[in-house]
């Protein structure tokens, strides 16, 4: 299922004891920028390598996976989901 979620809703999930996998899809973002601006507990996944890295980063396809990013086109977000 693909749907939008707010940062507050993500924080609430962790407060309720849920453990979704957070993934920040990055495109051209430096590692330093990721370190300064990601949601805690998020994995960094370059958009260009997402399909190759997904099996390693996200082996449990039954888990709730939340993908977020800045300045992503809707088509990029849909492709990653």
C-alpha atoms as a PDB file:
ATOM      1  CA  UNK A   1       0.000   0.000   0.000  1.00  0.00           C
ATOM      2  CA  UNK A   2       1.335   3.438  -0.910  1.00  0.00           C
ATOM      3  CA  UNK A   3       0.223   6.445   1.099  1.00  0.00           C
ATOM      4  CA  UNK A   4       1.568   9.679   2.482  1.00  0.00           C
ATOM      5  CA  UNK A   5       2.576   9.981   6.127  1.00  0.00           C
ATOM      6  CA  UNK A   6       3.610  13.009   8.165  1.00  0.00           C
ATOM      7  CA  UNK A   7       6.746  13.334  10.276  1.00  0.00           C
ATOM      8  CA  UNK A   8       4.494  13.516  13.349  1.00  0.00           C
ATOM      9  CA  UNK A   9       2.801  10.229  12.391  1.00  0.00           C
ATOM     10  CA  UNK A  10       6.219   8.604  12.018  1.00  0.00           C
ATOM     11  CA  UNK A  11       7.250   9.826  15.465  1.00  0.00           C
ATOM     12  CA  UNK A  12       3.986   8.506  16.922  1.00  0.00           C
ATOM     13  CA  UNK A  13       4.639   5.046  15.478  1.00  0.00           C
ATOM     14  CA  UNK A  14       7.914   4.830  17.395  1.00  0.00           C
ATOM     15  CA  UNK A  15       6.202   6.187  20.511  1.00  0.00           C
ATOM     16  CA  UNK A  16       3.632   3.393  20.251  1.00  0.00           C
ATOM     17  CA  UNK A  17       6.369   0.766  20.047  1.00  0.00           C
ATOM     18  CA  UNK A  18       6.064   0.097  16.326  1.00  0.00           C
ATOM     19  CA  UNK A  19       9.292  -0.399  14.396  1.00  0.00           C
ATOM     20  CA  UNK A  20       8.869   0.616  10.770  1.00  0.00           C
ATOM     21  CA  UNK A  21      11.970   0.711   8.568  1.00  0.00           C
ATOM     22  CA  UNK A  22      12.766   4.303   7.629  1.00  0.00           C
ATOM     23  CA  UNK A  23      14.581   4.939   4.379  1.00  0.00           C
ATOM     24  CA  UNK A  24      15.668   8.343   3.148  1.00  0.00           C
ATOM     25  CA  UNK A  25      15.931   8.203  -0.623  1.00  0.00           C
ATOM     26  CA  UNK A  26      18.767  10.548  -1.506  1.00  0.00           C
ATOM     27  CA  UNK A  27      19.819  11.871  -4.870  1.00  0.00           C
ATOM     28  CA  UNK A  28      23.034  13.824  -5.025  1.00  0.00           C
ATOM     29  CA  UNK A  29      22.993  14.487  -1.278  1.00  0.00           C
ATOM     30  CA  UNK A  30      26.347  14.375   0.483  1.00  0.00           C
ATOM     31  CA  UNK A  31      26.853  12.010   3.446  1.00  0.00           C
ATOM     32  CA  UNK A  32      27.406  15.074   5.629  1.00  0.00           C
ATOM     33  CA  UNK A  33      24.027  16.505   4.634  1.00  0.00           C
ATOM     34  CA  UNK A  34      22.367  13.171   5.413  1.00  0.00           C
ATOM     35  CA  UNK A  35      24.011  13.100   8.850  1.00  0.00           C
ATOM     36  CA  UNK A  36      22.650  16.558   9.626  1.00  0.00           C
ATOM     37  CA  UNK A  37      19.148  16.218   8.241  1.00  0.00           C
ATOM     38  CA  UNK A  38      17.785  12.675   8.388  1.00  0.00           C
ATOM     39  CA  UNK A  39      15.100  11.314  10.683  1.00  0.00           C
ATOM     40  CA  UNK A  40      16.804   9.321  13.453  1.00  0.00           C
ATOM     41  CA  UNK A  41      16.965   5.555  12.725  1.00  0.00           C
ATOM     42  CA  UNK A  42      16.654   6.118   8.967  1.00  0.00           C
ATOM     43  CA  UNK A  43      18.796   4.311   6.419  1.00  0.00           C
ATOM     44  CA  UNK A  44      20.358   6.284   3.586  1.00  0.00           C
ATOM     45  CA  UNK A  45      19.577   4.817   0.176  1.00  0.00           C
ATOM     46  CA  UNK A  46      20.777   6.529  -3.006  1.00  0.00           C
ATOM     47  CA  UNK A  47      17.934   6.699  -5.521  1.00  0.00           C
ATOM     48  CA  UNK A  48      20.304   5.620  -8.284  1.00  0.00           C
ATOM     49  CA  UNK A  49      21.160   2.382  -6.417  1.00  0.00           C
ATOM     50  CA  UNK A  50      17.837   1.694  -4.713  1.00  0.00           C
ATOM     51  CA  UNK A  51      16.882  -1.407  -6.663  1.00  0.00           C
ATOM     52  CA  UNK A  52      20.303  -2.998  -6.154  1.00  0.00           C
ATOM     53  CA  UNK A  53      20.506  -2.110  -2.440  1.00  0.00           C
ATOM     54  CA  UNK A  54      16.905  -2.825  -1.413  1.00  0.00           C
ATOM     55  CA  UNK A  55      17.322  -6.595  -0.876  1.00  0.00           C
ATOM     56  CA  UNK A  56      20.314  -5.967   1.414  1.00  0.00           C
ATOM     57  CA  UNK A  57      18.888  -2.950   3.264  1.00  0.00           C
ATOM     58  CA  UNK A  58      15.299  -4.218   3.472  1.00  0.00           C
ATOM     59  CA  UNK A  59      15.303  -8.019   3.544  1.00  0.00           C
ATOM     60  CA  UNK A  60      11.949  -8.317   5.353  1.00  0.00           C
ATOM     61  CA  UNK A  61       9.356  -7.372   2.765  1.00  0.00           C
ATOM     62  CA  UNK A  62       6.620  -7.982   5.322  1.00  0.00           C
ATOM     63  CA  UNK A  63       7.851  -5.079   7.448  1.00  0.00           C
ATOM     64  CA  UNK A  64       6.347  -1.623   7.235  1.00  0.00           C
ATOM     65  CA  UNK A  65       8.726   0.456   5.129  1.00  0.00           C
ATOM     66  CA  UNK A  66       8.556   4.241   5.083  1.00  0.00           C
ATOM     67  CA  UNK A  67      10.435   5.955   2.264  1.00  0.00           C
ATOM     68  CA  UNK A  68      10.947   9.687   2.361  1.00  0.00           C
ATOM     69  CA  UNK A  69      13.077  12.236   0.592  1.00  0.00           C
ATOM     70  CA  UNK A  70      13.449  15.858  -0.281  1.00  0.00           C
ATOM     71  CA  UNK A  71      12.986  17.285  -3.743  1.00  0.00           C
ATOM     72  CA  UNK A  72      11.841  13.975  -5.161  1.00  0.00           C
ATOM     73  CA  UNK A  73       9.515  13.884  -8.122  1.00  0.00           C
ATOM     74  CA  UNK A  74       6.304  11.970  -7.512  1.00  0.00           C
ATOM     75  CA  UNK A  75       7.352   9.506 -10.216  1.00  0.00           C
ATOM     76  CA  UNK A  76      10.614   8.769  -8.330  1.00  0.00           C
ATOM     77  CA  UNK A  77       8.749   8.173  -5.080  1.00  0.00           C
ATOM     78  CA  UNK A  78       6.249   5.871  -6.800  1.00  0.00           C
ATOM     79  CA  UNK A  79       9.052   3.905  -8.492  1.00  0.00           C
ATOM     80  CA  UNK A  80      10.844   3.376  -5.178  1.00  0.00           C
ATOM     81  CA  UNK A  81       7.692   2.280  -3.394  1.00  0.00           C
END
